[in-house]
Protein backbone atom coordinates (compact mmCIF):
# COMPACT_ATOMS: atom_id res chain seq x y z
CA UNK A 1 0.00 0.00 0.00
CA UNK A 2 1.18 3.51 -0.80
CA UNK A 3 2.16 5.35 2.42
CA UNK A 4 -0.16 8.30 1.79
CA UNK A 5 -3.11 5.87 1.59
CA UNK A 6 -2.21 3.89 4.69
CA UNK A 7 -5.04 4.41 7.22
CA UNK A 8 -2.52 4.40 10.10
CA UNK A 9 -0.19 7.09 8.70
CA UNK A 10 0.80 9.91 11.05
CA UNK A 11 -1.48 12.45 9.35
CA UNK A 12 -4.54 10.23 9.89
CA UNK A 13 -3.63 9.55 13.52
CA UNK A 14 -3.09 13.26 14.22
CA UNK A 15 -6.72 13.99 13.28
CA UNK A 16 -8.16 11.60 15.88
CA UNK A 17 -10.00 12.96 18.88
CA UNK A 18 -8.80 12.05 22.35
CA UNK A 19 -10.56 8.81 23.33
CA UNK A 20 -9.07 7.62 26.62
CA UNK A 21 -10.35 9.52 29.62
CA UNK A 22 -13.75 9.09 31.13
CA UNK A 23 -13.70 12.90 31.33
CA UNK A 24 -13.42 15.24 28.35
CA UNK A 25 -10.38 17.49 28.00
CA UNK A 26 -12.63 20.42 29.01
CA UNK A 27 -13.82 18.61 32.15
CA UNK A 28 -10.18 17.91 33.04
CA UNK A 29 -9.30 21.58 32.55
CA UNK A 30 -12.17 22.52 34.86
CA UNK A 31 -10.94 20.01 37.45
CA UNK A 32 -7.40 21.35 37.07
CA UNK A 33 -8.58 24.68 38.45
CA UNK A 34 -9.92 22.89 41.56
CA UNK A 35 -6.42 21.40 42.02
CA UNK A 36 -4.83 24.83 42.06
CA UNK A 37 -3.92 24.87 38.38
CA UNK A 38 -1.03 22.42 38.75
CA UNK A 39 -1.29 18.66 38.21
CA UNK A 40 0.03 15.57 36.44
CA UNK A 41 -1.35 13.22 33.81
CA UNK A 42 -0.03 9.80 34.80
CA UNK A 43 0.28 6.56 32.86
CA UNK A 44 2.59 4.11 31.09
CA UNK A 45 4.17 4.53 27.64
CA UNK A 46 1.58 4.69 24.88
CA UNK A 47 -1.43 5.16 27.16
CA UNK A 48 -2.55 8.52 25.74
CA UNK A 49 -0.83 11.13 27.92
CA UNK A 50 0.64 13.13 25.04
CA UNK A 51 -2.57 12.88 23.06
CA UNK A 52 -4.47 14.25 26.05
CA UNK A 53 -2.06 17.19 26.31
CA UNK A 54 -2.63 17.98 22.62
CA UNK A 55 -6.40 17.85 23.17
CA UNK A 56 -6.12 20.13 26.21
CA UNK A 57 -3.99 22.57 24.23
CA UNK A 58 -6.56 22.61 21.41
CA UNK A 59 -9.38 23.20 23.91
CA UNK A 60 -7.47 26.08 25.49
CA UNK A 61 -6.81 27.58 22.07
CA UNK A 62 -10.53 27.28 21.21
CA UNK A 63 -11.39 29.26 24.33
CA UNK A 64 -8.72 31.91 23.62
CA UNK A 65 -6.60 30.96 26.64
CA UNK A 66 -2.84 30.90 26.24
CA UNK A 67 -1.03 27.58 26.45
CA UNK A 68 2.42 26.35 25.54
CA UNK A 69 3.00 22.62 25.01
CA UNK A 70 6.58 21.45 25.03
CA UNK A 71 8.37 18.13 24.98
CA UNK A 72 11.18 17.42 27.42
CA UNK A 73 13.72 14.70 26.73
CA UNK A 74 15.79 14.69 29.90
CA UNK A 75 16.88 18.34 29.69
CA UNK A 76 14.87 21.20 31.12
CA UNK A 77 14.57 24.06 28.59
CA UNK A 78 14.57 27.72 29.60
CA UNK A 79 11.00 28.40 30.71
CA UNK A 80 11.62 31.70 32.45
CA UNK A 81 10.99 33.76 29.29
CA UNK A 82 7.42 32.49 28.92
CA UNK A 83 4.71 34.87 30.12
CA UNK A 84 3.30 33.91 33.51
CA UNK A 85 -0.29 33.78 32.23
CA UNK A 86 0.52 30.92 29.81
CA UNK A 87 -0.50 27.44 30.92
CA UNK A 88 2.48 25.12 30.51
CA UNK A 89 1.75 21.63 29.18
CA UNK A 90 4.97 19.68 29.68
CA UNK A 91 5.25 16.32 27.99
CA UNK A 92 7.98 13.95 29.12
CA UNK A 93 8.53 15.29 32.64
CA UNK A 94 9.24 11.71 33.74
CA UNK A 95 12.63 12.02 31.99
CA UNK A 96 13.79 14.72 34.42
CA UNK A 97 16.15 13.83 37.22
CA UNK A 98 15.47 14.94 40.78
CA UNK A 99 17.25 18.31 40.53
CA UNK A 100 15.69 19.29 37.19
CA UNK A 101 12.27 18.20 38.49
CA UNK A 102 12.69 20.50 41.52
CA UNK A 103 13.90 23.28 39.20
CA UNK A 104 10.82 22.83 36.97
CA UNK A 105 8.53 23.16 39.98
CA UNK A 106 10.41 26.22 41.24
CA UNK A 107 10.53 28.02 37.87
CA UNK A 108 6.82 27.43 37.28
CA UNK A 109 5.66 28.34 40.80
CA UNK A 110 2.58 30.52 40.49
CA UNK A 111 1.87 29.30 36.95
CA UNK A 112 -0.67 26.82 35.71
CA UNK A 113 1.16 23.59 34.86
CA UNK A 114 0.25 20.13 33.58
CA UNK A 115 2.98 17.51 33.20
CA UNK A 116 3.02 13.91 31.98
CA UNK A 117 4.56 11.30 34.25
CA UNK A 118 4.74 7.52 34.36
CA UNK A 119 3.97 7.51 38.07
CA UNK A 120 2.88 10.21 40.52
CA UNK A 121 5.47 12.60 41.84
CA UNK A 122 4.83 15.72 43.92
CA UNK A 123 1.92 17.18 41.93
CA UNK A 124 -1.70 16.07 42.33
CA UNK A 125 -2.90 13.58 39.72
CA UNK A 126 -5.33 15.14 37.26
CA UNK A 127 -5.91 11.98 35.26
CA UNK A 128 -4.61 8.43 34.99
CA UNK A 129 -4.29 7.12 31.45
CA UNK A 130 -4.51 3.35 31.21
CA UNK A 131 -4.15 1.21 28.08
CA UNK A 132 -7.55 0.04 26.87
CA UNK A 133 -8.14 -2.22 23.89
CA UNK A 134 -11.53 -0.55 23.31
CA UNK A 135 -9.65 2.61 22.30
CA UNK A 136 -7.53 0.69 19.78
CA UNK A 137 -10.65 -1.03 18.47
CA UNK A 138 -12.38 2.30 17.94
CA UNK A 139 -9.34 3.73 16.15
CA UNK A 140 -9.22 0.71 13.82
CA UNK A 141 -12.95 0.96 13.08
CA UNK A 142 -12.69 4.73 12.48
CA UNK A 143 -9.59 4.66 10.27
CA UNK A 144 -10.06 1.36 8.41
CA UNK A 145 -13.78 0.51 8.49
CA UNK A 146 -13.62 -1.78 5.45
CA UNK A 147 -10.68 -3.78 6.82
CA UNK A 148 -11.57 -3.64 10.54
CA UNK A 149 -12.70 -7.29 10.77
CA UNK A 150 -9.37 -8.41 9.28
CA UNK A 151 -7.23 -6.00 11.33
CA UNK A 152 -8.79 -6.34 14.79
CA UNK A 153 -7.30 -9.78 15.58
CA UNK A 154 -3.86 -8.37 14.67
CA UNK A 155 -4.57 -5.30 16.79
CA UNK A 156 -5.44 -7.51 19.78
CA UNK A 157 -2.24 -9.55 19.32
CA UNK A 158 -0.15 -6.36 19.08
CA UNK A 159 -1.92 -4.85 22.10
CA UNK A 160 -1.09 -7.91 24.20
CA UNK A 161 2.45 -8.19 22.80
CA UNK A 162 3.25 -4.54 23.55
CA UNK A 163 1.43 -4.39 26.91
CA UNK A 164 -1.13 -1.89 25.65
CA UNK A 165 1.34 0.62 24.18
CA UNK A 166 -0.85 2.30 21.55
CA UNK A 167 2.19 3.71 19.69
CA UNK A 168 3.51 0.20 19.09
CA UNK A 169 0.08 -1.20 18.19
CA UNK A 170 -0.56 1.53 15.62
CA UNK A 171 2.97 1.20 14.21
CA UNK A 172 2.38 -2.54 13.82
CA UNK A 173 -0.93 -1.91 12.05
CA UNK A 174 0.76 0.62 9.77
CA UNK A 175 3.38 -1.97 8.80
CA UNK A 176 0.73 -4.65 8.32
CA UNK A 177 -1.24 -2.38 5.97
CA UNK A 178 1.96 -1.38 4.16
CA UNK A 179 2.51 -5.06 3.30
CA UNK A 180 -0.90 -5.28 1.68
CA UNK A 181 -3.72 -7.83 2.11
């Protein structure tokens, strides 16, 4: 199959709505305020944490509130230049060591902050993202309705093989579709 026609290509996945939480991104933003504007989205690799941050950012943009989403890969970027009224959505905070974690909390004191973590740290938990096959099933049915019956057994095998990591499941489905029927 040609890459641009593959139902599991990045462009198709990027258009999906957030499907994991029992609460909508807006409901989570409302709850965030009750937590003092600072909290963590917690879950394992591939459970939907980054996707939730993107959905929250889009919701904030729709309501004309300022947000800045950034990805951290073990090194804390300079956040001090960002305006204090911008909500920071920090993906990958679990990669920070103890000192950089403390620095992140200190630099962002007084600002609204949502981080992704694999397990709780010193911020209240806003949401726990857990791998759910029902989410994968819905993605398969939405993106490949004609081939869903053929692809779902493969999706289940990949889900089990990769312990629910949606990134790996969707990559496996992309490769399967790339090979053809």
